Amino acid sequence: MPAENQVFTNSQPVSVQAAITDNEGIHMIHLAVTDIMSGGHMLHFEEHFDGRNYSLNNSFPVQQGRSYLIEIEATDHHENRTKKHLTVFVN
C-alpha cells in the first residue's frame, strides 16, 4: 500500500497492495480510488472471498497535479468491518 501523503510522478501508476487477514474468515474486500478534484472513480474493485488470508494487488493510472483518496474495506462473515484510507499526490 502506498504511504499516507506519498507523492508520485505523472508517469508512474500507483500500485495498491495489502495483506488482509481475519481469524474466522474474510467475506468481502472492497477497494475504491477517487480523484479528489473531480470526484470521479479511478478504480472500483469488489471481491467476495472465503478464506482467512487475501493479497490485494491493483494499480491505477494517475494525472499530474491530482490527488487521490484510496479506501480499502474488509468485511468478515460476522459483518465486522475494517477500513483504511489514505491520500496520495501526483506532481
PDB file of N, CA and C in Angstrom:
ATOM      1  N   MET A   1       0.850  -1.167   0.000  1.00  0.00           N
ATOM      2  CA  MET A   1       0.000   0.000   0.000  1.00  0.00           C
ATOM      3  C   MET A   1       0.895   1.228   0.000  1.00  0.00           C
ATOM      4  N   PRO A   2       0.493   2.247  -0.685  1.00  0.00           N
ATOM      5  CA  PRO A   2       1.277   3.484  -0.599  1.00  0.00           C
ATOM      6  C   PRO A   2       1.219   4.049   0.823  1.00  0.00           C
ATOM      7  N   ALA A   3       2.128   4.947   1.118  1.00  0.00           N
ATOM      8  CA  ALA A   3       2.129   5.621   2.413  1.00  0.00           C
ATOM      9  C   ALA A   3       1.222   6.842   2.359  1.00  0.00           C
ATOM     10  N   GLU A   4       0.668   7.238   3.500  1.00  0.00           N
ATOM     11  CA  GLU A   4      -0.143   8.452   3.586  1.00  0.00           C
ATOM     12  C   GLU A   4       0.669   9.641   3.081  1.00  0.00           C
ATOM     13  N   ASN A   5       0.070  10.441   2.205  1.00  0.00           N
ATOM     14  CA  ASN A   5       0.667  11.646   1.619  1.00  0.00           C
ATOM     15  C   ASN A   5       1.871  11.366   0.714  1.00  0.00           C
ATOM     16  N   GLN A   6       2.018  10.136   0.244  1.00  0.00           N
ATOM     17  CA  GLN A   6       3.117   9.816  -0.672  1.00  0.00           C
ATOM     18  C   GLN A   6       2.922  10.570  -1.982  1.00  0.00           C
ATOM     19  N   VAL A   7       4.030  11.005  -2.585  1.00  0.00           N
ATOM     20  CA  VAL A   7       3.988  11.752  -3.842  1.00  0.00           C
ATOM     21  C   VAL A   7       4.531  10.872  -4.963  1.00  0.00           C
ATOM     22  N   PHE A   8       3.784  10.812  -6.067  1.00  0.00           N
ATOM     23  CA  PHE A   8       4.169  10.029  -7.233  1.00  0.00           C
ATOM     24  C   PHE A   8       4.412  10.966  -8.406  1.00  0.00           C
ATOM     25  N   THR A   9       5.119  10.460  -9.423  1.00  0.00           N
ATOM     26  CA  THR A   9       5.311  11.234 -10.640  1.00  0.00           C
ATOM     27  C   THR A   9       4.192  10.916 -11.618  1.00  0.00           C
ATOM     28  N   ASN A  10       3.978  11.795 -12.574  1.00  0.00           N
ATOM     29  CA  ASN A  10       2.887  11.662 -13.525  1.00  0.00           C
ATOM     30  C   ASN A  10       2.962  10.377 -14.353  1.00  0.00           C
ATOM     31  N   SER A  11       4.144   9.884 -14.614  1.00  0.00           N
ATOM     32  CA  SER A  11       4.275   8.706 -15.481  1.00  0.00           C
ATOM     33  C   SER A  11       4.208   7.388 -14.705  1.00  0.00           C
ATOM     34  N   GLN A  12       4.043   7.434 -13.437  1.00  0.00           N
ATOM     35  CA  GLN A  12       4.133   6.263 -12.581  1.00  0.00           C
ATOM     36  C   GLN A  12       2.743   5.837 -12.090  1.00  0.00           C
ATOM     37  N   PRO A  13       2.211   4.679 -12.544  1.00  0.00           N
ATOM     38  CA  PRO A  13       0.940   4.231 -11.983  1.00  0.00           C
ATOM     39  C   PRO A  13       1.119   3.898 -10.502  1.00  0.00           C
ATOM     40  N   VAL A  14       0.076   4.071  -9.746  1.00  0.00           N
ATOM     41  CA  VAL A  14       0.123   3.792  -8.312  1.00  0.00           C
ATOM     42  C   VAL A  14      -0.342   2.359  -8.080  1.00  0.00           C
ATOM     43  N   SER A  15       0.458   1.611  -7.375  1.00  0.00           N
ATOM     44  CA  SER A  15       0.143   0.226  -7.028  1.00  0.00           C
ATOM     45  C   SER A  15      -0.428   0.188  -5.614  1.00  0.00           C
ATOM     46  N   VAL A  16      -1.547  -0.492  -5.460  1.00  0.00           N
ATOM     47  CA  VAL A  16      -2.184  -0.658  -4.152  1.00  0.00           C
ATOM     48  C   VAL A  16      -2.062  -2.127  -3.776  1.00  0.00           C
ATOM     49  N   GLN A  17      -1.297  -2.385  -2.732  1.00  0.00           N
ATOM     50  CA  GLN A  17      -1.088  -3.748  -2.261  1.00  0.00           C
ATOM     51  C   GLN A  17      -1.388  -3.814  -0.776  1.00  0.00           C
ATOM     52  N   ALA A  18      -2.039  -4.881  -0.354  1.00  0.00           N
ATOM     53  CA  ALA A  18      -2.345  -5.056   1.062  1.00  0.00           C
ATOM     54  C   ALA A  18      -2.500  -6.538   1.364  1.00  0.00           C
ATOM     55  N   ALA A  19      -2.041  -6.932   2.531  1.00  0.00           N
ATOM     56  CA  ALA A  19      -2.261  -8.285   3.042  1.00  0.00           C
ATOM     57  C   ALA A  19      -3.395  -8.182   4.058  1.00  0.00           C
ATOM     58  N   ILE A  20      -4.487  -8.877   3.788  1.00  0.00           N
ATOM     59  CA  ILE A  20      -5.680  -8.801   4.627  1.00  0.00           C
ATOM     60  C   ILE A  20      -5.900 -10.162   5.259  1.00  0.00           C
ATOM     61  N   THR A  21      -6.060 -10.183   6.589  1.00  0.00           N
ATOM     62  CA  THR A  21      -6.262 -11.444   7.305  1.00  0.00           C
ATOM     63  C   THR A  21      -7.423 -11.310   8.286  1.00  0.00           C
ATOM     64  N   ASP A  22      -8.051 -12.424   8.561  1.00  0.00           N
ATOM     65  CA  ASP A  22      -9.102 -12.493   9.569  1.00  0.00           C
ATOM     66  C   ASP A  22      -9.067 -13.886  10.179  1.00  0.00           C
ATOM     67  N   ASN A  23      -9.137 -13.968  11.491  1.00  0.00           N
ATOM     68  CA  ASN A  23      -9.020 -15.263  12.156  1.00  0.00           C
ATOM     69  C   ASN A  23     -10.191 -16.202  11.880  1.00  0.00           C
ATOM     70  N   GLU A  24     -11.349 -15.674  11.492  1.00  0.00           N
ATOM     71  CA  GLU A  24     -12.503 -16.540  11.222  1.00  0.00           C
ATOM     72  C   GLU A  24     -12.876 -16.604   9.751  1.00  0.00           C
ATOM     73  N   GLY A  25     -12.361 -15.723   8.948  1.00  0.00           N
ATOM     74  CA  GLY A  25     -12.648 -15.781   7.519  1.00  0.00           C
ATOM     75  C   GLY A  25     -13.125 -14.458   6.952  1.00  0.00           C
ATOM     76  N   ILE A  26     -12.568 -14.087   5.834  1.00  0.00           N
ATOM     77  CA  ILE A  26     -12.925 -12.867   5.122  1.00  0.00           C
ATOM     78  C   ILE A  26     -14.140 -13.145   4.248  1.00  0.00           C
ATOM     79  N   HIS A  27     -15.050 -12.200   4.201  1.00  0.00           N
ATOM     80  CA  HIS A  27     -16.234 -12.344   3.351  1.00  0.00           C
ATOM     81  C   HIS A  27     -16.130 -11.472   2.095  1.00  0.00           C
ATOM     82  N   MET A  28     -15.695 -10.195   2.268  1.00  0.00           N
ATOM     83  CA  MET A  28     -15.669  -9.304   1.116  1.00  0.00           C
ATOM     84  C   MET A  28     -14.532  -8.292   1.261  1.00  0.00           C
ATOM     85  N   ILE A  29     -13.921  -7.984   0.116  1.00  0.00           N
ATOM     86  CA  ILE A  29     -12.888  -6.959   0.007  1.00  0.00           C
ATOM     87  C   ILE A  29     -13.416  -5.884  -0.939  1.00  0.00           C
ATOM     88  N   HIS A  30     -13.258  -4.640  -0.546  1.00  0.00           N
ATOM     89  CA  HIS A  30     -13.709  -3.528  -1.379  1.00  0.00           C
ATOM     90  C   HIS A  30     -12.582  -2.504  -1.458  1.00  0.00           C
ATOM     91  N   LEU A  31     -12.235  -2.096  -2.680  1.00  0.00           N
ATOM     92  CA  LEU A  31     -11.217  -1.072  -2.920  1.00  0.00           C
ATOM     93  C   LEU A  31     -11.823  -0.003  -3.810  1.00  0.00           C
ATOM     94  N   ALA A  32     -11.693   1.252  -3.389  1.00  0.00           N
ATOM     95  CA  ALA A  32     -12.155   2.375  -4.204  1.00  0.00           C
ATOM     96  C   ALA A  32     -11.066   3.433  -4.229  1.00  0.00           C
ATOM     97  N   VAL A  33     -10.787   3.950  -5.427  1.00  0.00           N
ATOM     98  CA  VAL A  33      -9.841   5.053  -5.592  1.00  0.00           C
ATOM     99  C   VAL A  33     -10.601   6.189  -6.261  1.00  0.00           C
ATOM    100  N   THR A  34     -10.577   7.359  -5.616  1.00  0.00           N
ATOM    101  CA  THR A  34     -11.320   8.520  -6.102  1.00  0.00           C
ATOM    102  C   THR A  34     -10.367   9.672  -6.375  1.00  0.00           C
ATOM    103  N   ASP A  35     -10.553  10.321  -7.519  1.00  0.00           N
ATOM    104  CA  ASP A  35      -9.843  11.562  -7.831  1.00  0.00           C
ATOM    105  C   ASP A  35     -10.499  12.646  -6.978  1.00  0.00           C
ATOM    106  N   ILE A  36      -9.752  13.210  -6.040  1.00  0.00           N
ATOM    107  CA  ILE A  36     -10.332  14.168  -5.097  1.00  0.00           C
ATOM    108  C   ILE A  36     -10.833  15.423  -5.804  1.00  0.00           C
ATOM    109  N   MET A  37     -10.134  15.874  -6.829  1.00  0.00           N
ATOM    110  CA  MET A  37     -10.525  17.102  -7.531  1.00  0.00           C
ATOM    111  C   MET A  37     -11.846  16.945  -8.286  1.00  0.00           C
ATOM    112  N   SER A  38     -11.992  15.849  -9.019  1.00  0.00           N
ATOM    113  CA  SER A  38     -13.186  15.668  -9.848  1.00  0.00           C
ATOM    114  C   SER A  38     -14.276  14.846  -9.172  1.00  0.00           C
ATOM    115  N   GLY A  39     -13.897  14.063  -8.160  1.00  0.00           N
ATOM    116  CA  GLY A  39     -14.849  13.163  -7.520  1.00  0.00           C
ATOM    117  C   GLY A  39     -15.062  11.881  -8.299  1.00  0.00           C
ATOM    118  N   GLY A  40     -14.364  11.720  -9.421  1.00  0.00           N
ATOM    119  CA  GLY A  40     -14.532  10.529 -10.255  1.00  0.00           C
ATOM    120  C   GLY A  40     -13.787   9.325  -9.711  1.00  0.00           C
ATOM    121  N   HIS A  41     -14.359   8.161  -9.948  1.00  0.00           N
ATOM    122  CA  HIS A  41     -13.708   6.916  -9.539  1.00  0.00           C
ATOM    123  C   HIS A  41     -12.625   6.532 -10.542  1.00  0.00           C
ATOM    124  N   MET A  42     -11.433   6.298 -10.063  1.00  0.00           N
ATOM    125  CA  MET A  42     -10.328   5.820 -10.893  1.00  0.00           C
ATOM    126  C   MET A  42     -10.291   4.301 -10.888  1.00  0.00           C
ATOM    127  N   LEU A  43     -10.713   3.710  -9.776  1.00  0.00           N
ATOM    128  CA  LEU A  43     -10.706   2.263  -9.634  1.00  0.00           C
ATOM    129  C   LEU A  43     -11.785   1.890  -8.635  1.00  0.00           C
ATOM    130  N   HIS A  44     -12.570   0.886  -8.985  1.00  0.00           N
ATOM    131  CA  HIS A  44     -13.575   0.343  -8.074  1.00  0.00           C
ATOM    132  C   HIS A  44     -13.494  -1.169  -8.196  1.00  0.00           C
ATOM    133  N   PHE A  45     -13.137  -1.820  -7.098  1.00  0.00           N
ATOM    134  CA  PHE A  45     -12.915  -3.255  -7.102  1.00  0.00           C
ATOM    135  C   PHE A  45     -13.621  -3.852  -5.894  1.00  0.00           C
ATOM    136  N   GLU A  46     -14.340  -4.959  -6.131  1.00  0.00           N
ATOM    137  CA  GLU A  46     -15.007  -5.666  -5.045  1.00  0.00           C
ATOM    138  C   GLU A  46     -14.896  -7.159  -5.310  1.00  0.00           C
ATOM    139  N   GLU A  47     -14.551  -7.881  -4.285  1.00  0.00           N
ATOM    140  CA  GLU A  47     -14.458  -9.332  -4.437  1.00  0.00           C
ATOM    141  C   GLU A  47     -15.018 -10.016  -3.207  1.00  0.00           C
ATOM    142  N   HIS A  48     -15.876 -11.003  -3.455  1.00  0.00           N
ATOM    143  CA  HIS A  48     -16.358 -11.861  -2.381  1.00  0.00           C
ATOM    144  C   HIS A  48     -15.355 -12.995  -2.249  1.00  0.00           C
ATOM    145  N   PHE A  49     -14.964 -13.267  -1.033  1.00  0.00           N
ATOM    146  CA  PHE A  49     -13.857 -14.178  -0.796  1.00  0.00           C
ATOM    147  C   PHE A  49     -14.175 -15.006   0.439  1.00  0.00           C
ATOM    148  N   ASP A  50     -13.768 -16.263   0.428  1.00  0.00           N
ATOM    149  CA  ASP A  50     -13.975 -17.124   1.583  1.00  0.00           C
ATOM    150  C   ASP A  50     -12.642 -17.743   1.975  1.00  0.00           C
ATOM    151  N   GLY A  51     -11.945 -17.081   2.855  1.00  0.00           N
ATOM    152  CA  GLY A  51     -10.653 -17.553   3.327  1.00  0.00           C
ATOM    153  C   GLY A  51     -10.148 -16.635   4.425  1.00  0.00           C
ATOM    154  N   ARG A  52      -9.057 -17.000   5.031  1.00  0.00           N
ATOM    155  CA  ARG A  52      -8.505 -16.212   6.136  1.00  0.00           C
ATOM    156  C   ARG A  52      -7.450 -15.196   5.696  1.00  0.00           C
ATOM    157  N   ASN A  53      -6.853 -15.393   4.529  1.00  0.00           N
ATOM    158  CA  ASN A  53      -5.791 -14.512   4.047  1.00  0.00           C
ATOM    159  C   ASN A  53      -6.074 -14.101   2.606  1.00  0.00           C
ATOM    160  N   TYR A  54      -5.903 -12.812   2.339  1.00  0.00           N
ATOM    161  CA  TYR A  54      -6.148 -12.293   0.998  1.00  0.00           C
ATOM    162  C   TYR A  54      -5.041 -11.310   0.647  1.00  0.00           C
ATOM    163  N   SER A  55      -4.510 -11.409  -0.562  1.00  0.00           N
ATOM    164  CA  SER A  55      -3.490 -10.476  -1.042  1.00  0.00           C
ATOM    165  C   SER A  55      -4.112  -9.574  -2.100  1.00  0.00           C
ATOM    166  N   LEU A  56      -4.287  -8.323  -1.751  1.00  0.00           N
ATOM    167  CA  LEU A  56      -4.834  -7.329  -2.669  1.00  0.00           C
ATOM    168  C   LEU A  56      -3.688  -6.753  -3.483  1.00  0.00           C
ATOM    169  N   ASN A  57      -3.869  -6.687  -4.812  1.00  0.00           N
ATOM    170  CA  ASN A  57      -2.833  -6.157  -5.687  1.00  0.00           C
ATOM    171  C   ASN A  57      -3.505  -5.546  -6.919  1.00  0.00           C
ATOM    172  N   ASN A  58      -3.629  -4.228  -6.935  1.00  0.00           N
ATOM    173  CA  ASN A  58      -4.231  -3.495  -8.050  1.00  0.00           C
ATOM    174  C   ASN A  58      -3.402  -2.244  -8.302  1.00  0.00           C
ATOM    175  N   SER A  59      -3.618  -1.624  -9.442  1.00  0.00           N
ATOM    176  CA  SER A  59      -2.952  -0.352  -9.727  1.00  0.00           C
ATOM    177  C   SER A  59      -3.899   0.522 -10.528  1.00  0.00           C
ATOM    178  N   PHE A  60      -3.595   1.824 -10.548  1.00  0.00           N
ATOM    179  CA  PHE A  60      -4.416   2.751 -11.313  1.00  0.00           C
ATOM    180  C   PHE A  60      -3.536   3.838 -11.910  1.00  0.00           C
ATOM    181  N   PRO A  61      -3.936   4.376 -13.076  1.00  0.00           N
ATOM    182  CA  PRO A  61      -3.169   5.450 -13.718  1.00  0.00           C
ATOM    183  C   PRO A  61      -3.437   6.773 -12.995  1.00  0.00           C
ATOM    184  N   VAL A  62      -2.495   7.686 -13.093  1.00  0.00           N
ATOM    185  CA  VAL A  62      -2.633   8.978 -12.419  1.00  0.00           C
ATOM    186  C   VAL A  62      -2.439  10.124 -13.404  1.00  0.00           C
ATOM    187  N   GLN A  63      -2.865  11.314 -12.993  1.00  0.00           N
ATOM    188  CA  GLN A  63      -2.686  12.522 -13.787  1.00  0.00           C
ATOM    189  C   GLN A  63      -1.924  13.548 -12.958  1.00  0.00           C
ATOM    190  N   GLN A  64      -1.109  14.304 -13.622  1.00  0.00           N
ATOM    191  CA  GLN A  64      -0.292  15.322 -12.974  1.00  0.00           C
ATOM    192  C   GLN A  64      -1.164  16.356 -12.253  1.00  0.00           C
ATOM    193  N   GLY A  65      -0.726  16.742 -11.057  1.00  0.00           N
ATOM    194  CA  GLY A  65      -1.420  17.772 -10.300  1.00  0.00           C
ATOM    195  C   GLY A  65      -2.670  17.309  -9.578  1.00  0.00           C
ATOM    196  N   ARG A  66      -2.889  16.017  -9.514  1.00  0.00           N
ATOM    197  CA  ARG A  66      -4.093  15.482  -8.870  1.00  0.00           C
ATOM    198  C   ARG A  66      -3.740  14.806  -7.555  1.00  0.00           C
ATOM    199  N   SER A  67      -4.747  14.629  -6.718  1.00  0.00           N
ATOM    200  CA  SER A  67      -4.609  13.836  -5.502  1.00  0.00           C
ATOM    201  C   SER A  67      -5.723  12.794  -5.502  1.00  0.00           C
ATOM    202  N   TYR A  68      -5.454  11.671  -4.858  1.00  0.00           N
ATOM    203  CA  TYR A  68      -6.366  10.539  -4.903  1.00  0.00           C
ATOM    204  C   TYR A  68      -6.609   9.986  -3.504  1.00  0.00           C
ATOM    205  N   LEU A  69      -7.857   9.659  -3.231  1.00  0.00           N
ATOM    206  CA  LEU A  69      -8.241   9.012  -1.982  1.00  0.00           C
ATOM    207  C   LEU A  69      -8.337   7.516  -2.244  1.00  0.00           C
ATOM    208  N   ILE A  70      -7.587   6.736  -1.482  1.00  0.00           N
ATOM    209  CA  ILE A  70      -7.608   5.274  -1.589  1.00  0.00           C
ATOM    210  C   ILE A  70      -8.308   4.732  -0.354  1.00  0.00           C
ATOM    211  N   GLU A  71      -9.354   3.931  -0.572  1.00  0.00           N
ATOM    212  CA  GLU A  71     -10.112   3.349   0.537  1.00  0.00           C
ATOM    213  C   GLU A  71     -10.198   1.833   0.363  1.00  0.00           C
ATOM    214  N   ILE A  72      -9.826   1.127   1.402  1.00  0.00           N
ATOM    215  CA  ILE A  72      -9.932  -0.332   1.426  1.00  0.00           C
ATOM    216  C   ILE A  72     -10.818  -0.712   2.601  1.00  0.00           C
ATOM    217  N   GLU A  73     -11.764  -1.606   2.342  1.00  0.00           N
ATOM    218  CA  GLU A  73     -12.639  -2.101   3.405  1.00  0.00           C
ATOM    219  C   GLU A  73     -12.699  -3.616   3.310  1.00  0.00           C
ATOM    220  N   ALA A  74     -12.553  -4.268   4.453  1.00  0.00           N
ATOM    221  CA  ALA A  74     -12.671  -5.725   4.523  1.00  0.00           C
ATOM    222  C   ALA A  74     -13.777  -6.068   5.515  1.00  0.00           C
ATOM    223  N   THR A  75     -14.604  -7.031   5.142  1.00  0.00           N
ATOM    224  CA  THR A  75     -15.708  -7.477   5.987  1.00  0.00           C
ATOM    225  C   THR A  75     -15.567  -8.975   6.213  1.00  0.00           C
ATOM    226  N   ASP A  76     -15.783  -9.409   7.466  1.00  0.00           N
ATOM    227  CA  ASP A  76     -15.734 -10.845   7.724  1.00  0.00           C
ATOM    228  C   ASP A  76     -17.146 -11.422   7.703  1.00  0.00           C
ATOM    229  N   HIS A  77     -17.271 -12.710   7.990  1.00  0.00           N
ATOM    230  CA  HIS A  77     -18.569 -13.393   7.920  1.00  0.00           C
ATOM    231  C   HIS A  77     -19.534 -12.973   9.028  1.00  0.00           C
ATOM    232  N   HIS A  78     -19.047 -12.244  10.038  1.00  0.00           N
ATOM    233  CA  HIS A  78     -19.901 -11.753  11.121  1.00  0.00           C
ATOM    234  C   HIS A  78     -20.216 -10.271  10.956  1.00  0.00           C
ATOM    235  N   GLU A  79     -19.942  -9.736   9.758  1.00  0.00           N
ATOM    236  CA  GLU A  79     -20.192  -8.335   9.413  1.00  0.00           C
ATOM    237  C   GLU A  79     -19.298  -7.354  10.181  1.00  0.00           C
ATOM    238  N   ASN A  80     -18.189  -7.834  10.741  1.00  0.00           N
ATOM    239  CA  ASN A  80     -17.195  -6.933  11.303  1.00  0.00           C
ATOM    240  C   ASN A  80     -16.444  -6.301  10.145  1.00  0.00           C
ATOM    241  N   ARG A  81     -16.203  -4.995  10.226  1.00  0.00           N
ATOM    242  CA  ARG A  81     -15.560  -4.265   9.136  1.00  0.00           C
ATOM    243  C   ARG A  81     -14.290  -3.574   9.626  1.00  0.00           C
ATOM    244  N   THR A  82     -13.312  -3.577   8.745  1.00  0.00           N
ATOM    245  CA  THR A  82     -12.096  -2.813   8.970  1.00  0.00           C
ATOM    246  C   THR A  82     -11.895  -1.936   7.746  1.00  0.00           C
ATOM    247  N   LYS A  83     -11.634  -0.643   7.988  1.00  0.00           N
ATOM    248  CA  LYS A  83     -11.443   0.308   6.898  1.00  0.00           C
ATOM    249  C   LYS A  83     -10.089   0.982   7.039  1.00  0.00           C
ATOM    250  N   LYS A  84      -9.488   1.250   5.910  1.00  0.00           N
ATOM    251  CA  LYS A  84      -8.240   2.010   5.860  1.00  0.00           C
ATOM    252  C   LYS A  84      -8.375   2.976   4.701  1.00  0.00           C
ATOM    253  N   HIS A  85      -7.976   4.224   4.912  1.00  0.00           N
ATOM    254  CA  HIS A  85      -7.994   5.190   3.821  1.00  0.00           C
ATOM    255  C   HIS A  85      -6.763   6.076   3.933  1.00  0.00           C
ATOM    256  N   LEU A  86      -6.316   6.536   2.778  1.00  0.00           N
ATOM    257  CA  LEU A  86      -5.173   7.435   2.717  1.00  0.00           C
ATOM    258  C   LEU A  86      -5.228   8.240   1.437  1.00  0.00           C
ATOM    259  N   THR A  87      -4.472   9.327   1.423  1.00  0.00           N
ATOM    260  CA  THR A  87      -4.415  10.215   0.268  1.00  0.00           C
ATOM    261  C   THR A  87      -3.010  10.199  -0.308  1.00  0.00           C
ATOM    262  N   VAL A  88      -2.915  10.143  -1.644  1.00  0.00           N
ATOM    263  CA  VAL A  88      -1.637  10.247  -2.330  1.00  0.00           C
ATOM    264  C   VAL A  88      -1.724  11.400  -3.330  1.00  0.00           C
ATOM    265  N   PHE A  89      -0.554  11.914  -3.711  1.00  0.00           N
ATOM    266  CA  PHE A  89      -0.471  13.081  -4.589  1.00  0.00           C
ATOM    267  C   PHE A  89       0.394  12.773  -5.807  1.00  0.00           C
ATOM    268  N   VAL A  90       0.118  13.487  -6.897  1.00  0.00           N
ATOM    269  CA  VAL A  90       0.917  13.326  -8.130  1.00  0.00           C
ATOM    270  C   VAL A  90       1.443  14.706  -8.517  1.00  0.00           C
ATOM    271  N   ASN A  91       2.769  14.797  -8.738  1.00  0.00           N
ATOM    272  CA  ASN A  91       3.324  16.088  -9.147  1.00  0.00           C
ATOM    273  C   ASN A  91       3.666  16.099 -10.620  1.00  0.00           C
TER     274      ASN A  91
END
